[in-house]
Amino acid sequence: MRKIDHWSKDEVDEAMLHFHYYLESKGSVLSDCAEFLPYYALPYVPRPNTHPTFAELFQDSWVTKLRSQTGSLLFEGLKRKRRRNFGTEAH
């Protein structure tokens, strides 16, 4: 994954267009959660990597943390599913 600093303006515009489409369609359910509301402004921010609200999202450390948290969440979910399946197979 390339840092946004290395993207062309056309690449950034295209990515934001896709993100905007996602928010308008499948992501509309997120508008019910206050914590996600700032992200609805993201497609309209000219340089989000320098904006105080969004700058952290464009740091390598944020990507690393997100991957780690996602991996942990998936691992815990699989552990619970295995325990649940193991419990039903024993009966």
C-alpha atoms as a PDB file:
ATOM      1  CA  MET A   1       0.000   0.000   0.000  1.00  0.00           C
ATOM      2  CA  ARG A   2       1.510   3.288  -1.103  1.00  0.00           C
ATOM      3  CA  LYS A   3       1.290   6.320   1.134  1.00  0.00           C
ATOM      4  CA  ILE A   4      -1.086   8.981  -0.155  1.00  0.00           C
ATOM      5  CA  ASP A   5       1.882  11.363  -0.429  1.00  0.00           C
ATOM      6  CA  HIS A   6       3.003   9.289  -3.422  1.00  0.00           C
ATOM      7  CA  TRP A   7      -0.374   9.238  -5.182  1.00  0.00           C
ATOM      8  CA  SER A   8      -1.171  11.445  -8.131  1.00  0.00           C
ATOM      9  CA  LYS A   9      -4.097  13.865  -7.864  1.00  0.00           C
ATOM     10  CA  ASP A  10      -6.073  11.626 -10.239  1.00  0.00           C
ATOM     11  CA  GLU A  11      -5.453   8.585  -8.012  1.00  0.00           C
ATOM     12  CA  VAL A  12      -6.585  10.465  -4.915  1.00  0.00           C
ATOM     13  CA  ASP A  13      -9.665  11.791  -6.705  1.00  0.00           C
ATOM     14  CA  GLU A  14     -10.561   8.303  -7.918  1.00  0.00           C
ATOM     15  CA  ALA A  15     -10.078   6.769  -4.464  1.00  0.00           C
ATOM     16  CA  MET A  16     -12.257   9.454  -2.882  1.00  0.00           C
ATOM     17  CA  LEU A  17     -14.901   8.926  -5.555  1.00  0.00           C
ATOM     18  CA  HIS A  18     -15.009   5.214  -4.691  1.00  0.00           C
ATOM     19  CA  PHE A  19     -15.127   5.999  -0.981  1.00  0.00           C
ATOM     20  CA  HIS A  20     -17.928   8.523  -1.545  1.00  0.00           C
ATOM     21  CA  TYR A  21     -19.882   5.919  -3.524  1.00  0.00           C
ATOM     22  CA  TYR A  22     -19.364   3.391  -0.730  1.00  0.00           C
ATOM     23  CA  LEU A  23     -20.666   5.840   1.876  1.00  0.00           C
ATOM     24  CA  GLU A  24     -23.684   6.675  -0.277  1.00  0.00           C
ATOM     25  CA  SER A  25     -24.571   3.026  -0.863  1.00  0.00           C
ATOM     26  CA  LYS A  26     -23.346   0.246   1.416  1.00  0.00           C
ATOM     27  CA  GLY A  27     -21.873   2.551   4.049  1.00  0.00           C
ATOM     28  CA  SER A  28     -25.043   4.516   4.667  1.00  0.00           C
ATOM     29  CA  VAL A  29     -25.789   2.399   7.743  1.00  0.00           C
ATOM     30  CA  LEU A  30     -22.665   3.895   9.347  1.00  0.00           C
ATOM     31  CA  SER A  31     -24.321   7.311   9.452  1.00  0.00           C
ATOM     32  CA  ASP A  32     -26.228   6.083  12.494  1.00  0.00           C
ATOM     33  CA  CYS A  33     -22.957   5.897  14.456  1.00  0.00           C
ATOM     34  CA  ALA A  34     -21.632   9.237  15.673  1.00  0.00           C
ATOM     35  CA  GLU A  35     -18.034   7.991  15.630  1.00  0.00           C
ATOM     36  CA  PHE A  36     -18.199   7.473  11.854  1.00  0.00           C
ATOM     37  CA  LEU A  37     -19.781  10.807  10.925  1.00  0.00           C
ATOM     38  CA  PRO A  38     -16.472  12.674  10.376  1.00  0.00           C
ATOM     39  CA  TYR A  39     -15.590  10.189   7.625  1.00  0.00           C
ATOM     40  CA  TYR A  40     -18.479  11.464   5.542  1.00  0.00           C
ATOM     41  CA  ALA A  41     -16.476  14.695   5.108  1.00  0.00           C
ATOM     42  CA  LEU A  42     -13.331  12.867   3.983  1.00  0.00           C
ATOM     43  CA  PRO A  43     -14.091  12.899   0.225  1.00  0.00           C
ATOM     44  CA  TYR A  44     -14.445  16.698   0.380  1.00  0.00           C
ATOM     45  CA  VAL A  45     -11.193  17.472   2.211  1.00  0.00           C
ATOM     46  CA  PRO A  46      -8.557  18.615  -0.328  1.00  0.00           C
ATOM     47  CA  ARG A  47      -5.492  17.163   1.441  1.00  0.00           C
ATOM     48  CA  PRO A  48      -6.780  14.761   4.086  1.00  0.00           C
ATOM     49  CA  ASN A  49      -3.281  13.545   4.951  1.00  0.00           C
ATOM     50  CA  THR A  50      -2.536  17.008   6.389  1.00  0.00           C
ATOM     51  CA  HIS A  51      -5.949  17.658   7.970  1.00  0.00           C
ATOM     52  CA  PRO A  52      -5.946  17.353  11.803  1.00  0.00           C
ATOM     53  CA  THR A  53      -8.989  15.066  11.799  1.00  0.00           C
ATOM     54  CA  PHE A  54      -7.666  12.609   9.219  1.00  0.00           C
ATOM     55  CA  ALA A  55      -3.849  12.876   9.250  1.00  0.00           C
ATOM     56  CA  GLU A  56      -3.446   9.851  11.537  1.00  0.00           C
ATOM     57  CA  LEU A  57      -5.230   7.627   8.992  1.00  0.00           C
ATOM     58  CA  PHE A  58      -2.398   8.197   6.535  1.00  0.00           C
ATOM     59  CA  GLN A  59       0.417   7.196   8.864  1.00  0.00           C
ATOM     60  CA  ASP A  60       2.139   3.819   8.528  1.00  0.00           C
ATOM     61  CA  SER A  61       1.606   3.274  12.257  1.00  0.00           C
ATOM     62  CA  TRP A  62      -2.186   3.572  11.837  1.00  0.00           C
ATOM     63  CA  VAL A  63      -2.187   0.977   9.058  1.00  0.00           C
ATOM     64  CA  THR A  64      -0.047  -1.376  11.159  1.00  0.00           C
ATOM     65  CA  LYS A  65      -2.338  -0.925  14.174  1.00  0.00           C
ATOM     66  CA  LEU A  66      -5.449  -1.499  12.053  1.00  0.00           C
ATOM     67  CA  ARG A  67      -4.032  -4.706  10.581  1.00  0.00           C
ATOM     68  CA  SER A  68      -3.108  -5.961  14.037  1.00  0.00           C
ATOM     69  CA  GLN A  69      -6.532  -5.163  15.491  1.00  0.00           C
ATOM     70  CA  THR A  70      -8.289  -6.747  12.509  1.00  0.00           C
ATOM     71  CA  GLY A  71      -6.168  -9.875  12.840  1.00  0.00           C
ATOM     72  CA  SER A  72      -6.922 -10.102  16.564  1.00  0.00           C
ATOM     73  CA  LEU A  73     -10.637  -9.646  15.958  1.00  0.00           C
ATOM     74  CA  LEU A  74     -10.688 -12.384  13.314  1.00  0.00           C
ATOM     75  CA  PHE A  75      -8.618 -14.711  15.491  1.00  0.00           C
ATOM     76  CA  GLU A  76     -10.944 -14.242  18.477  1.00  0.00           C
ATOM     77  CA  GLY A  77     -13.989 -14.767  16.269  1.00  0.00           C
ATOM     78  CA  LEU A  78     -12.565 -18.027  14.936  1.00  0.00           C
ATOM     79  CA  LYS A  79     -11.702 -19.206  18.453  1.00  0.00           C
ATOM     80  CA  ARG A  80     -15.285 -18.569  19.591  1.00  0.00           C
ATOM     81  CA  LYS A  81     -16.686 -20.338  16.546  1.00  0.00           C
ATOM     82  CA  ARG A  82     -14.456 -23.363  17.140  1.00  0.00           C
ATOM     83  CA  ARG A  83     -15.516 -23.517  20.798  1.00  0.00           C
ATOM     84  CA  ARG A  84     -19.158 -23.270  19.790  1.00  0.00           C
ATOM     85  CA  ASN A  85     -18.757 -25.950  17.120  1.00  0.00           C
ATOM     86  CA  PHE A  86     -16.813 -28.176  19.488  1.00  0.00           C
ATOM     87  CA  GLY A  87     -19.617 -27.882  22.038  1.00  0.00           C
ATOM     88  CA  THR A  88     -22.303 -28.876  19.531  1.00  0.00           C
ATOM     89  CA  GLU A  89     -20.289 -31.789  18.120  1.00  0.00           C
ATOM     90  CA  ALA A  90     -19.950 -33.316  21.584  1.00  0.00           C
ATOM     91  CA  HIS A  91     -23.733 -33.718  21.939  1.00  0.00           C
END
